Amino acid sequence: MSGSRPRPPKDITFALAIALVLVGTALLLLTTGALPGPSRLWPMGVAAVGCVILYLGATRSLPSAWIFVGSAFVLSAALLIVRGFMEWPLSRYWPLFMVVLGCSNLVSGWIRYKRRRAAYLVPSIAFMILGVFFSLFSFDVIQFSFRRFFSEWWPVFLIAAGLVLLFLYFYNRIRFARASGRTER
């Protein structure tokens, strides 16, 4: 064999691969009757845009915000496609977009920092927890209204805040003890 270096793949290969996957998925949803008509396939366009943004963010030296936006588009498109199957009204599934934003922030934060950092973990997890929490009311898992829940259960937020502060206190205390070479009792 010759000593030539392999060439990087061309961008057209990526574009063709994404187009084939999205068009194939759309046609499969139509031919199997999973979606009643082509008017419900518009999220595939959102997914295509998200894939392009993700690709540009991953292959060029662009800020991690590109990864956030691209993954938010792709995950939102997946949610909208599932919504097409379930025929949910927006009033039912809107909290799941908070979960999508939390997941997108988690991905972009990990790519940016290459390790766990509170700068992206805390908001990401907060958005996901809030999305799941509001989904419990939206999907009628909890049978009474959010207003009633909040008026009766608001002290739980004080308890949760106290538990978080206790965790942070002990975590920082252990970290300080390790850094100073002392053993913690």
N, C-alpha and C. Protein backbone atom coordinates (compact mmCIF):
# COMPACT_ATOMS: atom_id res chain seq x y z
N MET A 1 0.83 -1.18 0.00
CA MET A 1 0.00 0.00 0.00
C MET A 1 0.88 1.24 0.00
N SER A 2 0.33 2.28 -0.53
CA SER A 2 1.07 3.54 -0.56
C SER A 2 0.93 4.24 0.79
N GLY A 3 1.79 5.21 1.00
CA GLY A 3 1.80 5.92 2.27
C GLY A 3 0.88 7.13 2.28
N SER A 4 -0.14 7.14 1.44
CA SER A 4 -1.04 8.30 1.40
C SER A 4 -1.98 8.28 2.60
N ARG A 5 -2.28 9.49 3.06
CA ARG A 5 -3.18 9.61 4.19
C ARG A 5 -4.63 9.52 3.70
N PRO A 6 -5.52 8.95 4.54
CA PRO A 6 -6.93 8.93 4.14
C PRO A 6 -7.49 10.34 4.13
N ARG A 7 -8.38 10.58 3.21
CA ARG A 7 -9.02 11.89 3.09
C ARG A 7 -10.23 11.95 4.01
N PRO A 8 -10.51 13.15 4.54
CA PRO A 8 -11.72 13.27 5.37
C PRO A 8 -12.96 13.10 4.51
N PRO A 9 -14.04 12.58 5.10
CA PRO A 9 -15.26 12.41 4.31
C PRO A 9 -15.81 13.77 3.86
N LYS A 10 -16.46 13.76 2.73
CA LYS A 10 -17.01 15.00 2.19
C LYS A 10 -18.33 15.33 2.89
N ASP A 11 -18.61 16.62 2.97
CA ASP A 11 -19.85 17.07 3.61
C ASP A 11 -21.09 16.56 2.86
N ILE A 12 -20.96 16.35 1.58
CA ILE A 12 -22.11 15.87 0.80
C ILE A 12 -22.52 14.47 1.25
N THR A 13 -21.57 13.68 1.72
CA THR A 13 -21.89 12.34 2.23
C THR A 13 -22.78 12.45 3.46
N PHE A 14 -22.43 13.37 4.34
CA PHE A 14 -23.25 13.58 5.54
C PHE A 14 -24.64 14.06 5.14
N ALA A 15 -24.71 15.04 4.26
CA ALA A 15 -26.00 15.59 3.84
C ALA A 15 -26.87 14.51 3.21
N LEU A 16 -26.28 13.69 2.36
CA LEU A 16 -27.04 12.61 1.71
C LEU A 16 -27.51 11.59 2.73
N ALA A 17 -26.67 11.25 3.70
CA ALA A 17 -27.05 10.28 4.73
C ALA A 17 -28.23 10.80 5.54
N ILE A 18 -28.19 12.06 5.97
CA ILE A 18 -29.28 12.63 6.76
C ILE A 18 -30.55 12.69 5.92
N ALA A 19 -30.42 13.10 4.66
CA ALA A 19 -31.60 13.18 3.78
C ALA A 19 -32.23 11.81 3.60
N LEU A 20 -31.42 10.78 3.39
CA LEU A 20 -31.95 9.43 3.21
C LEU A 20 -32.65 8.93 4.47
N VAL A 21 -32.05 9.17 5.62
CA VAL A 21 -32.67 8.72 6.88
C VAL A 21 -34.00 9.43 7.10
N LEU A 22 -34.03 10.75 6.93
CA LEU A 22 -35.26 11.50 7.19
C LEU A 22 -36.35 11.19 6.16
N VAL A 23 -36.00 11.15 4.89
CA VAL A 23 -37.00 10.83 3.86
C VAL A 23 -37.49 9.40 4.03
N GLY A 24 -36.58 8.48 4.30
CA GLY A 24 -36.98 7.09 4.53
C GLY A 24 -37.91 6.94 5.72
N THR A 25 -37.62 7.65 6.80
CA THR A 25 -38.48 7.61 7.98
C THR A 25 -39.85 8.19 7.67
N ALA A 26 -39.87 9.31 6.96
CA ALA A 26 -41.14 9.94 6.61
C ALA A 26 -41.98 9.02 5.73
N LEU A 27 -41.35 8.42 4.74
CA LEU A 27 -42.09 7.51 3.86
C LEU A 27 -42.57 6.27 4.60
N LEU A 28 -41.76 5.76 5.52
CA LEU A 28 -42.16 4.60 6.31
C LEU A 28 -43.37 4.94 7.18
N LEU A 29 -43.38 6.11 7.77
CA LEU A 29 -44.53 6.52 8.59
C LEU A 29 -45.79 6.65 7.74
N LEU A 30 -45.62 7.07 6.50
CA LEU A 30 -46.78 7.19 5.61
C LEU A 30 -47.26 5.85 5.08
N THR A 31 -46.32 5.02 4.60
CA THR A 31 -46.73 3.75 3.98
C THR A 31 -47.29 2.75 4.99
N THR A 32 -46.84 2.83 6.24
CA THR A 32 -47.38 1.92 7.25
C THR A 32 -48.67 2.44 7.86
N GLY A 33 -49.01 3.69 7.55
CA GLY A 33 -50.22 4.27 8.10
C GLY A 33 -50.05 4.75 9.53
N ALA A 34 -48.81 4.82 10.01
CA ALA A 34 -48.57 5.26 11.39
C ALA A 34 -49.00 6.71 11.57
N LEU A 35 -48.78 7.53 10.56
CA LEU A 35 -49.27 8.90 10.57
C LEU A 35 -50.32 9.03 9.46
N PRO A 36 -51.43 9.67 9.76
CA PRO A 36 -52.54 9.68 8.81
C PRO A 36 -52.30 10.45 7.52
N GLY A 37 -51.39 11.38 7.49
CA GLY A 37 -51.19 12.12 6.26
C GLY A 37 -49.89 12.88 6.26
N PRO A 38 -49.48 13.36 5.08
CA PRO A 38 -48.20 14.06 4.98
C PRO A 38 -48.17 15.39 5.74
N SER A 39 -49.31 15.93 6.09
CA SER A 39 -49.32 17.20 6.81
C SER A 39 -48.71 17.08 8.21
N ARG A 40 -48.62 15.87 8.73
CA ARG A 40 -48.04 15.66 10.06
C ARG A 40 -46.54 15.40 10.02
N LEU A 41 -45.94 15.49 8.84
CA LEU A 41 -44.52 15.20 8.71
C LEU A 41 -43.63 16.44 8.79
N TRP A 42 -44.20 17.61 9.03
CA TRP A 42 -43.39 18.82 9.07
C TRP A 42 -42.28 18.78 10.12
N PRO A 43 -42.39 18.02 11.22
CA PRO A 43 -41.26 17.97 12.15
C PRO A 43 -39.99 17.39 11.54
N MET A 44 -40.12 16.65 10.44
CA MET A 44 -38.93 16.13 9.77
C MET A 44 -38.06 17.27 9.25
N GLY A 45 -38.68 18.35 8.84
CA GLY A 45 -37.92 19.54 8.42
C GLY A 45 -37.17 20.15 9.59
N VAL A 46 -37.82 20.19 10.75
CA VAL A 46 -37.17 20.69 11.97
C VAL A 46 -35.97 19.80 12.31
N ALA A 47 -36.15 18.49 12.17
CA ALA A 47 -35.05 17.56 12.44
C ALA A 47 -33.90 17.77 11.46
N ALA A 48 -34.22 18.01 10.20
CA ALA A 48 -33.18 18.24 9.19
C ALA A 48 -32.36 19.49 9.53
N VAL A 49 -33.06 20.56 9.89
CA VAL A 49 -32.36 21.79 10.28
C VAL A 49 -31.49 21.54 11.50
N GLY A 50 -32.03 20.81 12.48
CA GLY A 50 -31.26 20.48 13.68
C GLY A 50 -30.02 19.66 13.36
N CYS A 51 -30.15 18.71 12.45
CA CYS A 51 -29.00 17.88 12.07
C CYS A 51 -27.91 18.73 11.42
N VAL A 52 -28.30 19.66 10.57
CA VAL A 52 -27.32 20.54 9.93
C VAL A 52 -26.61 21.40 10.97
N ILE A 53 -27.38 21.96 11.90
CA ILE A 53 -26.78 22.79 12.95
C ILE A 53 -25.86 21.95 13.84
N LEU A 54 -26.28 20.75 14.19
CA LEU A 54 -25.42 19.86 14.97
C LEU A 54 -24.14 19.53 14.23
N TYR A 55 -24.27 19.24 12.96
CA TYR A 55 -23.09 18.91 12.15
C TYR A 55 -22.12 20.08 12.11
N LEU A 56 -22.63 21.27 11.86
CA LEU A 56 -21.76 22.44 11.80
C LEU A 56 -21.11 22.70 13.16
N GLY A 57 -21.88 22.55 14.22
CA GLY A 57 -21.32 22.75 15.55
C GLY A 57 -20.27 21.72 15.92
N ALA A 58 -20.42 20.50 15.43
CA ALA A 58 -19.49 19.43 15.77
C ALA A 58 -18.24 19.42 14.89
N THR A 59 -18.35 19.88 13.65
CA THR A 59 -17.22 19.78 12.73
C THR A 59 -16.45 21.08 12.55
N ARG A 60 -17.04 22.18 12.90
CA ARG A 60 -16.37 23.47 12.79
C ARG A 60 -16.03 23.95 14.20
N SER A 61 -15.21 24.90 14.31
CA SER A 61 -14.86 25.45 15.63
C SER A 61 -15.88 26.52 16.01
N LEU A 62 -17.10 26.08 16.24
CA LEU A 62 -18.18 26.98 16.59
C LEU A 62 -18.51 26.83 18.07
N PRO A 63 -19.11 27.85 18.67
CA PRO A 63 -19.46 27.75 20.10
C PRO A 63 -20.42 26.59 20.38
N SER A 64 -20.42 26.15 21.64
CA SER A 64 -21.27 25.03 22.03
C SER A 64 -22.76 25.37 21.92
N ALA A 65 -23.08 26.64 21.77
CA ALA A 65 -24.48 27.03 21.58
C ALA A 65 -25.05 26.38 20.32
N TRP A 66 -24.21 26.13 19.33
CA TRP A 66 -24.67 25.45 18.12
C TRP A 66 -25.13 24.03 18.45
N ILE A 67 -24.40 23.37 19.32
CA ILE A 67 -24.78 22.01 19.74
C ILE A 67 -26.10 22.08 20.50
N PHE A 68 -26.25 23.07 21.37
CA PHE A 68 -27.49 23.23 22.12
C PHE A 68 -28.67 23.41 21.17
N VAL A 69 -28.55 24.34 20.24
CA VAL A 69 -29.66 24.62 19.31
C VAL A 69 -29.94 23.41 18.43
N GLY A 70 -28.90 22.79 17.90
CA GLY A 70 -29.10 21.62 17.04
C GLY A 70 -29.77 20.47 17.76
N SER A 71 -29.29 20.18 18.96
CA SER A 71 -29.90 19.07 19.71
C SER A 71 -31.32 19.43 20.16
N ALA A 72 -31.58 20.70 20.45
CA ALA A 72 -32.94 21.12 20.81
C ALA A 72 -33.88 20.93 19.62
N PHE A 73 -33.42 21.26 18.42
CA PHE A 73 -34.24 21.06 17.22
C PHE A 73 -34.52 19.58 16.99
N VAL A 74 -33.49 18.75 17.08
CA VAL A 74 -33.66 17.32 16.81
C VAL A 74 -34.58 16.68 17.86
N LEU A 75 -34.35 16.97 19.14
CA LEU A 75 -35.19 16.39 20.19
C LEU A 75 -36.62 16.92 20.13
N SER A 76 -36.78 18.20 19.79
CA SER A 76 -38.13 18.76 19.64
C SER A 76 -38.86 18.09 18.48
N ALA A 77 -38.14 17.85 17.40
CA ALA A 77 -38.76 17.17 16.26
C ALA A 77 -39.20 15.76 16.65
N ALA A 78 -38.38 15.06 17.42
CA ALA A 78 -38.77 13.72 17.87
C ALA A 78 -40.01 13.80 18.75
N LEU A 79 -40.06 14.79 19.63
CA LEU A 79 -41.24 14.98 20.48
C LEU A 79 -42.47 15.30 19.64
N LEU A 80 -42.32 16.12 18.63
CA LEU A 80 -43.45 16.48 17.77
C LEU A 80 -43.94 15.29 16.95
N ILE A 81 -43.03 14.42 16.56
CA ILE A 81 -43.43 13.22 15.82
C ILE A 81 -44.22 12.29 16.74
N VAL A 82 -43.73 12.10 17.97
CA VAL A 82 -44.47 11.28 18.94
C VAL A 82 -45.83 11.90 19.21
N ARG A 83 -45.87 13.21 19.33
CA ARG A 83 -47.13 13.92 19.52
C ARG A 83 -48.10 13.64 18.37
N GLY A 84 -47.57 13.52 17.15
CA GLY A 84 -48.41 13.19 16.00
C GLY A 84 -49.07 11.83 16.14
N PHE A 85 -48.36 10.88 16.74
CA PHE A 85 -48.95 9.56 16.97
C PHE A 85 -50.04 9.63 18.03
N MET A 86 -49.76 10.37 19.09
CA MET A 86 -50.67 10.42 20.23
C MET A 86 -51.81 11.42 20.06
N GLU A 87 -51.64 12.35 19.15
CA GLU A 87 -52.63 13.40 18.90
C GLU A 87 -52.93 14.21 20.16
N TRP A 88 -51.86 14.58 20.87
CA TRP A 88 -51.99 15.39 22.07
C TRP A 88 -52.17 16.86 21.69
N PRO A 89 -52.99 17.58 22.43
CA PRO A 89 -53.02 19.05 22.26
C PRO A 89 -51.79 19.66 22.94
N LEU A 90 -51.41 20.84 22.50
CA LEU A 90 -50.24 21.51 23.07
C LEU A 90 -50.37 21.69 24.58
N SER A 91 -51.58 21.87 25.08
CA SER A 91 -51.79 22.06 26.51
C SER A 91 -51.37 20.82 27.31
N ARG A 92 -51.26 19.69 26.65
CA ARG A 92 -50.88 18.46 27.33
C ARG A 92 -49.37 18.23 27.32
N TYR A 93 -48.70 18.47 26.21
CA TYR A 93 -47.31 18.05 26.09
C TYR A 93 -46.28 19.17 26.21
N TRP A 94 -46.69 20.42 26.44
CA TRP A 94 -45.73 21.52 26.50
C TRP A 94 -44.64 21.32 27.56
N PRO A 95 -44.90 20.69 28.73
CA PRO A 95 -43.81 20.55 29.70
C PRO A 95 -42.65 19.68 29.20
N LEU A 96 -42.93 18.82 28.23
CA LEU A 96 -41.87 17.97 27.72
C LEU A 96 -40.81 18.77 26.96
N PHE A 97 -41.17 19.97 26.48
CA PHE A 97 -40.18 20.83 25.86
C PHE A 97 -39.16 21.33 26.88
N MET A 98 -39.57 21.44 28.13
CA MET A 98 -38.61 21.80 29.19
C MET A 98 -37.59 20.68 29.37
N VAL A 99 -38.04 19.43 29.29
CA VAL A 99 -37.13 18.30 29.37
C VAL A 99 -36.17 18.32 28.19
N VAL A 100 -36.70 18.62 26.99
CA VAL A 100 -35.86 18.71 25.79
C VAL A 100 -34.78 19.77 25.98
N LEU A 101 -35.14 20.94 26.50
CA LEU A 101 -34.16 22.00 26.71
C LEU A 101 -33.12 21.59 27.75
N GLY A 102 -33.54 20.90 28.79
CA GLY A 102 -32.59 20.42 29.79
C GLY A 102 -31.61 19.42 29.20
N CYS A 103 -32.11 18.50 28.39
CA CYS A 103 -31.24 17.51 27.74
C CYS A 103 -30.28 18.18 26.77
N SER A 104 -30.77 19.15 26.02
CA SER A 104 -29.92 19.86 25.06
C SER A 104 -28.82 20.63 25.78
N ASN A 105 -29.14 21.25 26.89
CA ASN A 105 -28.13 21.97 27.66
C ASN A 105 -27.12 21.01 28.25
N LEU A 106 -27.57 19.84 28.65
CA LEU A 106 -26.66 18.82 29.19
C LEU A 106 -25.65 18.40 28.13
N VAL A 107 -26.13 18.16 26.91
CA VAL A 107 -25.24 17.74 25.81
C VAL A 107 -24.24 18.85 25.48
N SER A 108 -24.73 20.07 25.31
CA SER A 108 -23.81 21.15 24.94
C SER A 108 -22.83 21.47 26.06
N GLY A 109 -23.26 21.38 27.30
CA GLY A 109 -22.36 21.62 28.43
C GLY A 109 -21.27 20.58 28.51
N TRP A 110 -21.64 19.33 28.28
CA TRP A 110 -20.64 18.26 28.32
C TRP A 110 -19.62 18.44 27.20
N ILE A 111 -20.09 18.81 26.03
CA ILE A 111 -19.17 19.02 24.90
C ILE A 111 -18.27 20.22 25.16
N ARG A 112 -18.80 21.25 25.77
CA ARG A 112 -18.00 22.46 26.03
C ARG A 112 -16.94 22.23 27.10
N TYR A 113 -17.33 21.63 28.23
CA TYR A 113 -16.41 21.51 29.36
C TYR A 113 -15.69 20.17 29.44
N LYS A 114 -16.20 19.16 28.75
CA LYS A 114 -15.60 17.81 28.74
C LYS A 114 -15.57 17.15 30.12
N ARG A 115 -16.35 17.67 31.04
CA ARG A 115 -16.48 17.09 32.37
C ARG A 115 -17.73 17.68 33.03
N ARG A 116 -18.08 17.09 34.18
CA ARG A 116 -19.26 17.61 34.90
C ARG A 116 -18.92 18.94 35.55
N ARG A 117 -19.82 19.90 35.35
CA ARG A 117 -19.67 21.21 35.99
C ARG A 117 -21.04 21.70 36.38
N ALA A 118 -21.10 22.35 37.52
CA ALA A 118 -22.38 22.87 38.00
C ALA A 118 -22.96 23.91 37.06
N ALA A 119 -22.11 24.58 36.28
CA ALA A 119 -22.56 25.64 35.38
C ALA A 119 -23.59 25.15 34.38
N TYR A 120 -23.53 23.90 33.98
CA TYR A 120 -24.54 23.38 33.07
C TYR A 120 -25.38 22.27 33.69
N LEU A 121 -24.85 21.58 34.68
CA LEU A 121 -25.61 20.50 35.30
C LEU A 121 -26.83 21.01 36.07
N VAL A 122 -26.65 22.05 36.86
CA VAL A 122 -27.76 22.54 37.69
C VAL A 122 -28.93 23.04 36.84
N PRO A 123 -28.69 23.92 35.86
CA PRO A 123 -29.85 24.34 35.05
C PRO A 123 -30.45 23.20 34.24
N SER A 124 -29.61 22.31 33.72
CA SER A 124 -30.12 21.19 32.93
C SER A 124 -31.03 20.30 33.76
N ILE A 125 -30.56 19.91 34.92
CA ILE A 125 -31.34 19.02 35.78
C ILE A 125 -32.59 19.74 36.28
N ALA A 126 -32.46 21.04 36.57
CA ALA A 126 -33.62 21.80 37.02
C ALA A 126 -34.70 21.84 35.94
N PHE A 127 -34.31 22.08 34.70
CA PHE A 127 -35.29 22.09 33.61
C PHE A 127 -35.93 20.72 33.44
N MET A 128 -35.14 19.66 33.52
CA MET A 128 -35.71 18.32 33.35
C MET A 128 -36.67 17.98 34.50
N ILE A 129 -36.29 18.32 35.72
CA ILE A 129 -37.17 18.03 36.86
C ILE A 129 -38.46 18.83 36.75
N LEU A 130 -38.34 20.12 36.41
CA LEU A 130 -39.55 20.94 36.26
C LEU A 130 -40.44 20.41 35.14
N GLY A 131 -39.83 20.00 34.03
CA GLY A 131 -40.62 19.45 32.93
C GLY A 131 -41.38 18.19 33.34
N VAL A 132 -40.69 17.31 34.05
CA VAL A 132 -41.36 16.09 34.52
C VAL A 132 -42.44 16.44 35.54
N PHE A 133 -42.14 17.38 36.44
CA PHE A 133 -43.10 17.79 37.46
C PHE A 133 -44.37 18.35 36.82
N PHE A 134 -44.22 19.29 35.89
CA PHE A 134 -45.39 19.86 35.24
C PHE A 134 -46.11 18.83 34.36
N SER A 135 -45.37 17.86 33.83
CA SER A 135 -46.00 16.80 33.03
C SER A 135 -46.94 15.95 33.88
N LEU A 136 -46.61 15.79 35.15
CA LEU A 136 -47.49 15.01 36.04
C LEU A 136 -48.88 15.62 36.09
N PHE A 137 -48.96 16.95 36.07
CA PHE A 137 -50.26 17.62 36.07
C PHE A 137 -50.86 17.61 34.67
N SER A 138 -50.01 17.82 33.67
CA SER A 138 -50.49 17.93 32.30
C SER A 138 -51.08 16.61 31.79
N PHE A 139 -50.48 15.49 32.17
CA PHE A 139 -50.97 14.18 31.73
C PHE A 139 -51.90 13.54 32.76
N ASP A 140 -52.37 14.32 33.71
CA ASP A 140 -53.34 13.90 34.72
C ASP A 140 -52.88 12.73 35.58
N VAL A 141 -51.57 12.62 35.80
CA VAL A 141 -51.07 11.63 36.75
C VAL A 141 -51.45 12.08 38.15
N ILE A 142 -51.32 13.38 38.41
CA ILE A 142 -51.82 13.97 39.65
C ILE A 142 -53.18 14.56 39.31
N GLN A 143 -54.19 14.12 40.01
CA GLN A 143 -55.57 14.39 39.61
C GLN A 143 -56.08 15.78 39.95
N PHE A 144 -55.44 16.50 40.86
CA PHE A 144 -55.97 17.82 41.18
C PHE A 144 -55.13 18.90 40.51
N SER A 145 -55.61 20.13 40.57
CA SER A 145 -54.98 21.23 39.84
C SER A 145 -53.64 21.61 40.45
N PHE A 146 -52.82 22.23 39.62
CA PHE A 146 -51.53 22.72 40.09
C PHE A 146 -51.72 23.78 41.17
N ARG A 147 -52.70 24.63 41.01
CA ARG A 147 -52.97 25.68 42.00
C ARG A 147 -53.26 25.06 43.37
N ARG A 148 -54.11 24.04 43.39
CA ARG A 148 -54.42 23.38 44.66
C ARG A 148 -53.18 22.69 45.23
N PHE A 149 -52.44 22.03 44.37
CA PHE A 149 -51.22 21.36 44.81
C PHE A 149 -50.26 22.37 45.45
N PHE A 150 -50.05 23.48 44.76
CA PHE A 150 -49.11 24.47 45.26
C PHE A 150 -49.59 25.10 46.57
N SER A 151 -50.89 25.37 46.68
CA SER A 151 -51.39 26.00 47.91
C SER A 151 -51.26 25.09 49.12
N GLU A 152 -51.28 23.77 48.92
CA GLU A 152 -51.15 22.84 50.03
C GLU A 152 -49.72 22.37 50.26
N TRP A 153 -48.94 22.23 49.22
CA TRP A 153 -47.65 21.58 49.31
C TRP A 153 -46.46 22.53 49.16
N TRP A 154 -46.68 23.86 49.18
CA TRP A 154 -45.56 24.77 49.00
C TRP A 154 -44.44 24.61 50.03
N PRO A 155 -44.70 24.17 51.26
CA PRO A 155 -43.57 23.98 52.19
C PRO A 155 -42.56 22.93 51.73
N VAL A 156 -42.95 22.04 50.82
CA VAL A 156 -42.02 21.05 50.30
C VAL A 156 -40.83 21.73 49.63
N PHE A 157 -41.07 22.90 49.01
CA PHE A 157 -39.98 23.62 48.36
C PHE A 157 -38.97 24.12 49.38
N LEU A 158 -39.43 24.52 50.54
CA LEU A 158 -38.51 24.92 51.62
C LEU A 158 -37.69 23.73 52.11
N ILE A 159 -38.34 22.61 52.23
CA ILE A 159 -37.65 21.39 52.67
C ILE A 159 -36.60 21.00 51.64
N ALA A 160 -36.98 21.02 50.37
CA ALA A 160 -36.04 20.67 49.30
C ALA A 160 -34.85 21.62 49.28
N ALA A 161 -35.10 22.92 49.44
CA ALA A 161 -34.00 23.89 49.47
C ALA A 161 -33.07 23.61 50.64
N GLY A 162 -33.63 23.28 51.79
CA GLY A 162 -32.81 22.95 52.95
C GLY A 162 -31.97 21.71 52.73
N LEU A 163 -32.56 20.69 52.10
CA LEU A 163 -31.81 19.47 51.81
C LEU A 163 -30.68 19.72 50.82
N VAL A 164 -30.93 20.54 49.84
CA VAL A 164 -29.87 20.89 48.88
C VAL A 164 -28.74 21.62 49.59
N LEU A 165 -29.07 22.57 50.46
CA LEU A 165 -28.03 23.29 51.20
C LEU A 165 -27.24 22.36 52.12
N LEU A 166 -27.93 21.40 52.75
CA LEU A 166 -27.21 20.42 53.58
C LEU A 166 -26.25 19.58 52.74
N PHE A 167 -26.71 19.14 51.60
CA PHE A 167 -25.84 18.36 50.71
C PHE A 167 -24.63 19.18 50.31
N LEU A 168 -24.84 20.44 49.91
CA LEU A 168 -23.72 21.28 49.51
C LEU A 168 -22.76 21.54 50.67
N TYR A 169 -23.29 21.71 51.86
CA TYR A 169 -22.45 21.93 53.02
C TYR A 169 -21.52 20.74 53.25
N PHE A 170 -22.10 19.53 53.28
CA PHE A 170 -21.28 18.35 53.54
C PHE A 170 -20.33 18.05 52.37
N TYR A 171 -20.77 18.29 51.17
CA TYR A 171 -19.92 18.08 50.01
C TYR A 171 -18.70 19.01 50.06
N ASN A 172 -18.93 20.29 50.34
CA ASN A 172 -17.81 21.24 50.42
C ASN A 172 -16.92 20.95 51.62
N ARG A 173 -17.50 20.49 52.69
CA ARG A 173 -16.70 20.15 53.87
C ARG A 173 -15.75 18.98 53.56
N ILE A 174 -16.25 17.96 52.89
CA ILE A 174 -15.42 16.81 52.52
C ILE A 174 -14.35 17.24 51.52
N ARG A 175 -14.73 18.07 50.56
CA ARG A 175 -13.77 18.56 49.57
C ARG A 175 -12.66 19.38 50.22
N PHE A 176 -13.02 20.23 51.17
CA PHE A 176 -12.03 21.02 51.88
C PHE A 176 -11.09 20.12 52.68
N ALA A 177 -11.65 19.13 53.33
CA ALA A 177 -10.83 18.22 54.13
C ALA A 177 -9.84 17.46 53.25
N ARG A 178 -10.27 17.03 52.09
CA ARG A 178 -9.36 16.32 51.16
C ARG A 178 -8.28 17.25 50.65
N ALA A 179 -8.65 18.47 50.33
CA ALA A 179 -7.68 19.42 49.78
C ALA A 179 -6.63 19.82 50.82
N SER A 180 -7.03 19.89 52.08
CA SER A 180 -6.08 20.31 53.13
C SER A 180 -5.34 19.11 53.73
N GLY A 181 -5.68 17.90 53.30
CA GLY A 181 -4.97 16.71 53.78
C GLY A 181 -5.46 16.17 55.10
N ARG A 182 -6.53 16.72 55.61
CA ARG A 182 -7.07 16.22 56.88
C ARG A 182 -8.09 15.13 56.60
N THR A 183 -8.23 14.25 57.56
CA THR A 183 -9.27 13.23 57.44
C THR A 183 -10.52 13.75 58.12
N GLU A 184 -11.63 13.51 57.51
CA GLU A 184 -12.93 13.98 58.03
C GLU A 184 -13.47 13.00 59.05
N ARG A 185 -14.01 13.54 60.15
CA ARG A 185 -14.62 12.68 61.18
C ARG A 185 -16.07 12.53 60.95
